[in-house]
C-alpha cells in the first residue's frame, strides 16, 4: 500500500475518532458521508470543539472560511488533507 493511501486512511480514522469523542451520541455511526447537522447533530458549540480537537490532533490550523463550508465528514477530511497533514 502506498504512503498516500496509508496517509488517507490515517486521516479518515483520526477525523472519525475526533468526531466520536465530540459526538458520543452517534459513536459507531460516523462515516465519510455522514452529514454534520442532520446525522451527527453538530451545533455551533460542538463545531468549535471539533475544530479545536482537530487542530490539536493533527497539529494544523483550520481556517474559519473552510470550516464554514463543512457539510459532511468528507468535507472535514478534505480540509485536513488540504492543510498539509501527511503521514511522516
C-alpha atoms as a PDB file:
ATOM      1  CA  UNK A   1       0.000   0.000   0.000  1.00  0.00           C
ATOM      2  CA  UNK A   2       1.377   3.435  -0.903  1.00  0.00           C
ATOM      3  CA  UNK A   3       2.192   6.141   1.623  1.00  0.00           C
ATOM      4  CA  UNK A   4      -0.547   8.313   0.116  1.00  0.00           C
ATOM      5  CA  UNK A   5      -3.192   5.632   0.684  1.00  0.00           C
ATOM      6  CA  UNK A   6      -1.948   4.994   4.224  1.00  0.00           C
ATOM      7  CA  UNK A   7      -1.983   8.722   4.959  1.00  0.00           C
ATOM      8  CA  UNK A   8      -5.553   8.965   3.684  1.00  0.00           C
ATOM      9  CA  UNK A   9      -6.684   6.077   5.859  1.00  0.00           C
ATOM     10  CA  UNK A  10      -4.953   7.534   8.886  1.00  0.00           C
ATOM     11  CA  UNK A  11      -6.604  10.929   8.351  1.00  0.00           C
ATOM     12  CA  UNK A  12     -10.006   9.273   7.939  1.00  0.00           C
ATOM     13  CA  UNK A  13      -9.597   7.256  11.144  1.00  0.00           C
ATOM     14  CA  UNK A  14      -8.374  10.247  13.164  1.00  0.00           C
ATOM     15  CA  UNK A  15     -11.179  12.506  11.893  1.00  0.00           C
ATOM     16  CA  UNK A  16     -13.789   9.886  12.812  1.00  0.00           C
ATOM     17  CA  UNK A  17     -12.137   9.389  16.234  1.00  0.00           C
ATOM     18  CA  UNK A  18     -12.291  13.132  16.947  1.00  0.00           C
ATOM     19  CA  UNK A  19     -15.940  13.243  15.902  1.00  0.00           C
ATOM     20  CA  UNK A  20     -16.715  10.175  18.029  1.00  0.00           C
ATOM     21  CA  UNK A  21     -15.156  11.876  21.040  1.00  0.00           C
ATOM     22  CA  UNK A  22     -17.055  15.130  20.416  1.00  0.00           C
ATOM     23  CA  UNK A  23     -20.380  13.477  19.458  1.00  0.00           C
ATOM     24  CA  UNK A  24     -20.714  10.425  21.718  1.00  0.00           C
ATOM     25  CA  UNK A  25     -24.437  10.001  20.954  1.00  0.00           C
ATOM     26  CA  UNK A  26     -23.625   8.914  17.384  1.00  0.00           C
ATOM     27  CA  UNK A  27     -20.432   6.967  18.097  1.00  0.00           C
ATOM     28  CA  UNK A  28     -20.183   3.978  15.787  1.00  0.00           C
ATOM     29  CA  UNK A  29     -22.424   5.529  13.145  1.00  0.00           C
ATOM     30  CA  UNK A  30     -19.940   8.022  11.726  1.00  0.00           C
ATOM     31  CA  UNK A  31     -18.679   7.592   8.177  1.00  0.00           C
ATOM     32  CA  UNK A  32     -17.332   9.926   5.478  1.00  0.00           C
ATOM     33  CA  UNK A  33     -20.813  10.505   4.044  1.00  0.00           C
ATOM     34  CA  UNK A  34     -22.370  11.456   7.386  1.00  0.00           C
ATOM     35  CA  UNK A  35     -23.898  14.937   7.410  1.00  0.00           C
ATOM     36  CA  UNK A  36     -22.760  17.048  10.338  1.00  0.00           C
ATOM     37  CA  UNK A  37     -26.065  18.672  11.299  1.00  0.00           C
ATOM     38  CA  UNK A  38     -28.633  16.156  10.095  1.00  0.00           C
ATOM     39  CA  UNK A  39     -26.872  12.897  11.022  1.00  0.00           C
ATOM     40  CA  UNK A  40     -24.439  13.854  13.791  1.00  0.00           C
ATOM     41  CA  UNK A  41     -26.461  16.680  15.428  1.00  0.00           C
ATOM     42  CA  UNK A  42     -23.464  19.034  15.395  1.00  0.00           C
ATOM     43  CA  UNK A  43     -24.367  22.522  16.632  1.00  0.00           C
ATOM     44  CA  UNK A  44     -22.202  25.644  16.734  1.00  0.00           C
ATOM     45  CA  UNK A  45     -20.688  24.806  20.121  1.00  0.00           C
ATOM     46  CA  UNK A  46     -19.899  21.240  19.048  1.00  0.00           C
ATOM     47  CA  UNK A  47     -18.325  22.611  15.877  1.00  0.00           C
ATOM     48  CA  UNK A  48     -15.928  24.797  17.875  1.00  0.00           C
ATOM     49  CA  UNK A  49     -14.963  21.770  19.994  1.00  0.00           C
ATOM     50  CA  UNK A  50     -14.439  19.675  16.850  1.00  0.00           C
ATOM     51  CA  UNK A  51     -12.229  22.318  15.226  1.00  0.00           C
ATOM     52  CA  UNK A  52     -10.108  22.678  18.369  1.00  0.00           C
ATOM     53  CA  UNK A  53      -9.757  18.888  18.687  1.00  0.00           C
ATOM     54  CA  UNK A  54      -8.814  18.525  15.009  1.00  0.00           C
ATOM     55  CA  UNK A  55      -6.240  21.321  15.271  1.00  0.00           C
ATOM     56  CA  UNK A  56      -4.699  19.617  18.315  1.00  0.00           C
ATOM     57  CA  UNK A  57      -4.870  16.112  16.887  1.00  0.00           C
ATOM     58  CA  UNK A  58      -3.297  16.992  13.540  1.00  0.00           C
ATOM     59  CA  UNK A  59      -1.119  19.940  14.579  1.00  0.00           C
ATOM     60  CA  UNK A  60      -2.769  22.202  11.995  1.00  0.00           C
ATOM     61  CA  UNK A  61      -4.777  25.425  11.986  1.00  0.00           C
ATOM     62  CA  UNK A  62      -8.063  25.050  10.104  1.00  0.00           C
ATOM     63  CA  UNK A  63      -9.349  28.252   8.518  1.00  0.00           C
ATOM     64  CA  UNK A  64     -12.687  29.762   9.512  1.00  0.00           C
ATOM     65  CA  UNK A  65     -13.681  30.050   5.863  1.00  0.00           C
ATOM     66  CA  UNK A  66     -13.028  26.362   5.263  1.00  0.00           C
ATOM     67  CA  UNK A  67     -14.888  25.304   8.389  1.00  0.00           C
ATOM     68  CA  UNK A  68     -17.882  27.379   7.304  1.00  0.00           C
ATOM     69  CA  UNK A  69     -18.162  25.216   4.176  1.00  0.00           C
ATOM     70  CA  UNK A  70     -18.325  21.898   6.044  1.00  0.00           C
ATOM     71  CA  UNK A  71     -21.476  19.867   5.499  1.00  0.00           C
ATOM     72  CA  UNK A  72     -20.184  16.275   5.797  1.00  0.00           C
ATOM     73  CA  UNK A  73     -17.404  14.298   7.420  1.00  0.00           C
ATOM     74  CA  UNK A  74     -15.817  14.098   3.968  1.00  0.00           C
ATOM     75  CA  UNK A  75     -15.585  17.911   3.950  1.00  0.00           C
ATOM     76  CA  UNK A  76     -13.609  17.751   7.211  1.00  0.00           C
ATOM     77  CA  UNK A  77     -11.345  15.052   5.770  1.00  0.00           C
ATOM     78  CA  UNK A  78     -10.639  17.192   2.689  1.00  0.00           C
ATOM     79  CA  UNK A  79      -9.889  20.256   4.849  1.00  0.00           C
ATOM     80  CA  UNK A  80      -7.386  18.328   6.938  1.00  0.00           C
ATOM     81  CA  UNK A  81      -5.662  16.951   3.829  1.00  0.00           C
ATOM     82  CA  UNK A  82      -5.612  20.401   2.189  1.00  0.00           C
ATOM     83  CA  UNK A  83      -3.975  21.836   5.302  1.00  0.00           C
ATOM     84  CA  UNK A  84      -0.939  19.753   4.516  1.00  0.00           C
ATOM     85  CA  UNK A  85      -1.209  16.970   7.058  1.00  0.00           C
ATOM     86  CA  UNK A  86       0.612  13.929   5.828  1.00  0.00           C
ATOM     87  CA  UNK A  87       1.883  10.829   7.500  1.00  0.00           C
ATOM     88  CA  UNK A  88       5.600  11.201   8.226  1.00  0.00           C
END
